[in-house]
């Protein structure tokens, strides 16, 4: 499992090694047909600029996704505290039933963060709406119910935002461009004669590694929530797990 977490590094290292082997073979058979020139530096710089732009844009969505579990956990905790306060003043309110539904909502929420095609959290949130309707019959003032509904709406917004980030690729054409120019840059380096050969191989290998690694990183972080333990870069849901434990302790 620990090896799986470092799969980006391992896959990139293998790919870079294979490309170095290909370049060595091309050198041995005299197939390096391009002479190293000043344009090479410009080409590599342009490629790094484009993939750097794509990486920075993808990281922005990733950082936003990182905040959502904490905000969702905080919202659930506040809803639970409000429910406890309501129970202290309005005995007809079913606190245990409300806390049980909150726990189901957190579990479904955590599951839907990782599986954007699931709709369990939406169903659980709708059941919360039914409980809010019953609170009126228990004599709970409207301002308390409105606050809980606002917090429920905030959870829905977080859920929709994560689903969008999980499913949508940032500027698909830019991603296609990045892959295309990286392939062209790799091909250019493979067929370029670099002297001294050993030093040139090391530099080319380093460039191969950087370009491939960044592309692999973009592919992984554009989906912030994977199955638990699948990659080292998954957004953690431990705060939601602690919220579930807190709800159980307060019953």
Protein backbone atom coordinates (compact mmCIF):
# COMPACT_ATOMS: atom_id res chain seq x y z
CA UNK A 1 0.00 0.00 0.00
CA UNK A 2 2.88 2.35 0.79
CA UNK A 3 4.35 1.65 -2.64
CA UNK A 4 1.02 2.53 -4.26
CA UNK A 5 1.14 5.96 -2.63
CA UNK A 6 4.41 6.69 -4.44
CA UNK A 7 3.25 5.34 -7.76
CA UNK A 8 3.61 8.73 -9.52
CA UNK A 9 7.30 8.88 -8.63
CA UNK A 10 7.89 5.23 -9.52
CA UNK A 11 6.01 5.39 -12.84
CA UNK A 12 7.79 8.61 -13.79
CA UNK A 13 11.18 7.16 -12.88
CA UNK A 14 10.51 4.09 -15.03
CA UNK A 15 9.28 6.21 -17.95
CA UNK A 16 12.33 8.50 -17.75
CA UNK A 17 14.61 5.48 -17.60
CA UNK A 18 13.01 3.99 -20.70
CA UNK A 19 13.41 7.27 -22.58
CA UNK A 20 17.09 7.44 -21.61
CA UNK A 21 17.50 3.89 -22.93
CA UNK A 22 15.81 4.90 -26.20
CA UNK A 23 18.11 7.91 -26.52
CA UNK A 24 21.15 5.67 -25.93
CA UNK A 25 20.00 3.33 -28.70
CA UNK A 26 19.43 6.25 -31.08
CA UNK A 27 22.92 7.51 -30.27
CA UNK A 28 24.50 4.10 -30.87
CA UNK A 29 22.86 3.83 -34.31
CA UNK A 30 23.64 7.43 -35.26
CA UNK A 31 19.99 8.49 -35.44
CA UNK A 32 20.42 11.76 -33.54
CA UNK A 33 19.71 13.90 -36.60
CA UNK A 34 19.18 17.28 -34.92
CA UNK A 35 22.05 19.54 -33.92
CA UNK A 36 21.76 21.27 -30.54
CA UNK A 37 20.98 24.96 -31.01
CA UNK A 38 19.75 28.04 -29.21
CA UNK A 39 16.13 27.25 -30.07
CA UNK A 40 16.17 24.17 -27.85
CA UNK A 41 16.28 26.27 -24.69
CA UNK A 42 13.32 28.33 -25.89
CA UNK A 43 11.30 25.24 -26.70
CA UNK A 44 11.91 23.63 -23.30
CA UNK A 45 11.17 26.92 -21.51
CA UNK A 46 7.90 27.27 -23.43
CA UNK A 47 6.85 23.73 -22.56
CA UNK A 48 7.60 24.26 -18.87
CA UNK A 49 5.66 27.54 -18.91
CA UNK A 50 2.54 25.91 -20.38
CA UNK A 51 2.49 22.93 -18.03
CA UNK A 52 3.32 25.23 -15.11
CA UNK A 53 0.27 27.36 -15.97
CA UNK A 54 -1.92 24.28 -16.13
CA UNK A 55 -0.52 22.99 -12.83
CA UNK A 56 -1.14 26.30 -11.04
CA UNK A 57 -4.75 26.41 -12.26
CA UNK A 58 -5.35 22.81 -11.21
CA UNK A 59 -3.82 23.39 -7.78
CA UNK A 60 -6.30 26.23 -7.18
CA UNK A 61 -9.22 23.77 -7.44
CA UNK A 62 -7.29 21.24 -5.36
CA UNK A 63 -6.72 23.77 -2.56
CA UNK A 64 -10.41 24.66 -2.60
CA UNK A 65 -11.30 20.97 -2.34
CA UNK A 66 -8.95 20.65 0.64
CA UNK A 67 -10.98 23.23 2.57
CA UNK A 68 -14.35 21.61 1.97
CA UNK A 69 -14.07 18.64 4.42
CA UNK A 70 -13.11 21.04 7.24
CA UNK A 71 -15.95 23.42 6.42
CA UNK A 72 -18.45 20.59 6.13
CA UNK A 73 -17.32 19.09 9.45
CA UNK A 74 -17.61 22.50 11.10
CA UNK A 75 -21.12 22.97 9.71
CA UNK A 76 -22.27 19.56 10.97
CA UNK A 77 -20.79 20.25 14.41
CA UNK A 78 -22.63 23.57 14.58
CA UNK A 79 -25.90 21.93 13.53
CA UNK A 80 -25.46 19.35 16.28
CA UNK A 81 -24.76 21.99 18.91
CA UNK A 82 -27.80 23.97 17.80
CA UNK A 83 -29.92 20.83 18.00
CA UNK A 84 -28.71 20.17 21.58
CA UNK A 85 -29.59 23.75 22.56
CA UNK A 86 -33.04 23.42 20.98
CA UNK A 87 -33.69 20.19 22.89
CA UNK A 88 -32.86 21.93 26.18
CA UNK A 89 -35.68 24.41 25.60
CA UNK A 90 -38.17 22.40 23.53
CA UNK A 91 -38.60 18.91 24.96
CA UNK A 92 -40.84 17.70 22.13
CA UNK A 93 -37.94 17.94 19.70
CA UNK A 94 -36.52 14.52 18.71
CA UNK A 95 -32.81 15.13 19.31
CA UNK A 96 -31.71 11.49 18.93
CA UNK A 97 -33.47 11.16 15.60
CA UNK A 98 -31.92 14.39 14.36
CA UNK A 99 -28.41 13.35 15.46
CA UNK A 100 -28.85 9.96 13.81
CA UNK A 101 -29.78 11.68 10.55
CA UNK A 102 -26.79 14.01 10.88
CA UNK A 103 -24.52 10.97 11.25
CA UNK A 104 -26.04 9.36 8.15
CA UNK A 105 -25.58 12.63 6.28
CA UNK A 106 -21.88 12.86 7.21
CA UNK A 107 -21.26 9.26 6.12
CA UNK A 108 -23.03 9.79 2.82
CA UNK A 109 -21.27 13.13 2.34
CA UNK A 110 -17.84 11.53 2.80
CA UNK A 111 -18.76 8.74 0.38
CA UNK A 112 -20.03 11.14 -2.28
CA UNK A 113 -16.88 13.23 -2.06
CA UNK A 114 -14.92 10.22 -3.31
CA UNK A 115 -17.62 9.01 -5.71
CA UNK A 116 -19.01 11.97 -7.66
CA UNK A 117 -21.57 9.72 -9.38
CA UNK A 118 -23.29 8.82 -6.10
CA UNK A 119 -26.35 10.74 -4.86
CA UNK A 120 -26.66 9.31 -1.35
CA UNK A 121 -25.71 12.59 0.35
CA UNK A 122 -28.44 14.47 -1.51
CA UNK A 123 -31.04 11.99 -0.32
CA UNK A 124 -29.84 12.25 3.28
CA UNK A 125 -29.91 16.05 3.07
CA UNK A 126 -33.50 15.90 1.85
CA UNK A 127 -34.38 13.78 4.88
CA UNK A 128 -32.95 16.53 7.06
CA UNK A 129 -35.48 18.86 5.45
CA UNK A 130 -38.26 16.54 6.60
CA UNK A 131 -36.95 16.73 10.17
CA UNK A 132 -36.84 20.52 9.95
CA UNK A 133 -40.52 20.43 9.03
CA UNK A 134 -41.29 18.32 12.11
CA UNK A 135 -39.45 20.83 14.28
CA UNK A 136 -42.21 23.35 13.57
CA UNK A 137 -44.76 20.93 15.03
CA UNK A 138 -42.55 20.60 18.12
CA UNK A 139 -42.89 24.33 18.69
CA UNK A 140 -39.34 25.31 17.69
CA UNK A 141 -39.20 29.00 16.64
CA UNK A 142 -38.76 29.73 12.94
CA UNK A 143 -35.42 31.55 13.38
CA UNK A 144 -33.78 28.36 14.75
CA UNK A 145 -35.14 26.30 11.88
CA UNK A 146 -34.02 28.88 9.30
CA UNK A 147 -30.46 28.74 10.65
CA UNK A 148 -30.39 24.96 10.35
CA UNK A 149 -31.75 25.15 6.81
CA UNK A 150 -29.04 27.65 5.88
CA UNK A 151 -26.38 25.29 7.19
CA UNK A 152 -28.02 22.46 5.24
CA UNK A 153 -27.85 24.59 2.09
CA UNK A 154 -24.15 25.22 2.75
CA UNK A 155 -23.54 21.48 2.84
CA UNK A 156 -25.33 21.09 -0.49
CA UNK A 157 -23.20 23.81 -2.03
CA UNK A 158 -19.99 22.12 -0.85
CA UNK A 159 -21.21 18.82 -2.27
CA UNK A 160 -22.06 20.29 -5.67
CA UNK A 161 -18.73 22.12 -5.85
CA UNK A 162 -16.74 18.95 -5.16
CA UNK A 163 -18.78 16.98 -7.68
CA UNK A 164 -17.98 19.61 -10.29
CA UNK A 165 -14.25 19.59 -9.50
CA UNK A 166 -14.18 15.78 -9.56
CA UNK A 167 -15.93 15.46 -12.93
CA UNK A 168 -14.69 18.43 -14.96
CA UNK A 169 -11.22 18.83 -16.49
CA UNK A 170 -9.83 22.37 -16.34
CA UNK A 171 -9.74 23.71 -19.93
CA UNK A 172 -9.58 20.32 -21.73
CA UNK A 173 -7.95 21.93 -24.77
CA UNK A 174 -5.12 23.24 -22.58
CA UNK A 175 -4.58 19.73 -21.21
CA UNK A 176 -4.39 18.37 -24.76
CA UNK A 177 -1.92 21.12 -25.64
CA UNK A 178 0.25 20.30 -22.64
CA UNK A 179 0.46 16.60 -23.52
CA UNK A 180 1.15 17.42 -27.18
CA UNK A 181 4.02 19.82 -26.53
CA UNK A 182 5.57 17.53 -23.94
CA UNK A 183 5.57 14.69 -26.46
CA UNK A 184 7.13 17.00 -29.06
CA UNK A 185 9.76 18.22 -26.58
CA UNK A 186 10.66 14.64 -25.62
CA UNK A 187 10.95 13.66 -29.28
CA UNK A 188 13.12 16.72 -29.93
CA UNK A 189 15.51 15.78 -27.13
CA UNK A 190 15.64 12.15 -28.23
CA UNK A 191 16.78 13.05 -31.73
CA UNK A 192 19.11 15.88 -30.71
CA UNK A 193 22.84 15.22 -30.55
CA UNK A 194 24.10 16.49 -27.20
CA UNK A 195 27.78 16.69 -26.36
CA UNK A 196 29.32 15.54 -24.11
CA UNK A 197 27.12 12.48 -24.42
CA UNK A 198 27.10 11.32 -20.79
CA UNK A 199 26.38 14.79 -19.45
CA UNK A 200 23.76 15.30 -22.12
CA UNK A 201 22.07 12.03 -21.16
CA UNK A 202 21.85 13.13 -17.54
CA UNK A 203 20.38 16.53 -18.45
CA UNK A 204 17.91 14.98 -20.89
CA UNK A 205 16.90 12.43 -18.25
CA UNK A 206 16.28 15.17 -15.72
CA UNK A 207 14.09 17.07 -18.21
CA UNK A 208 12.19 13.89 -19.08
CA UNK A 209 11.56 13.24 -15.40
CA UNK A 210 10.32 16.78 -14.67
CA UNK A 211 7.96 16.95 -17.66
CA UNK A 212 6.45 13.52 -17.13
CA UNK A 213 6.13 13.99 -13.37
CA UNK A 214 4.26 17.28 -13.72
CA UNK A 215 1.83 15.77 -16.23
CA UNK A 216 1.22 12.81 -13.91
CA UNK A 217 0.72 15.18 -10.99
CA UNK A 218 -1.83 17.24 -12.92
CA UNK A 219 -3.74 14.10 -13.83
CA UNK A 220 -3.92 13.02 -10.18
CA UNK A 221 -4.74 16.31 -8.43
CA UNK A 222 -7.46 17.27 -10.90
CA UNK A 223 -9.45 14.62 -9.02
CA UNK A 224 -8.77 15.56 -5.37
CA UNK A 225 -10.80 12.71 -3.83
CA UNK A 226 -9.79 9.17 -4.83
CA UNK A 227 -10.54 5.93 -3.06
CA UNK A 228 -8.80 5.98 0.31
CA UNK A 229 -5.11 5.14 0.06
CA UNK A 230 -5.03 5.10 -3.73
CA UNK A 231 -2.51 7.96 -4.00
CA UNK A 232 -0.37 9.98 -1.62
CA UNK A 233 -2.06 13.20 -2.77
CA UNK A 234 -5.66 12.37 -1.83
CA UNK A 235 -7.50 14.96 0.25
CA UNK A 236 -7.98 13.51 3.72
CA UNK A 237 -11.46 13.08 5.22
CA UNK A 238 -10.29 12.50 8.78
CA UNK A 239 -12.19 15.55 10.04
CA UNK A 240 -15.47 14.08 8.84
CA UNK A 241 -14.59 10.83 10.58
CA UNK A 242 -13.96 12.73 13.81
CA UNK A 243 -17.31 14.47 13.38
CA UNK A 244 -19.03 11.08 13.21
CA UNK A 245 -17.29 10.07 16.45
CA UNK A 246 -18.37 13.35 18.06
CA UNK A 247 -21.98 12.79 17.07
CA UNK A 248 -21.90 9.34 18.65
CA UNK A 249 -20.40 10.70 21.88
CA UNK A 250 -23.09 13.38 22.19
CA UNK A 251 -26.02 10.98 21.88
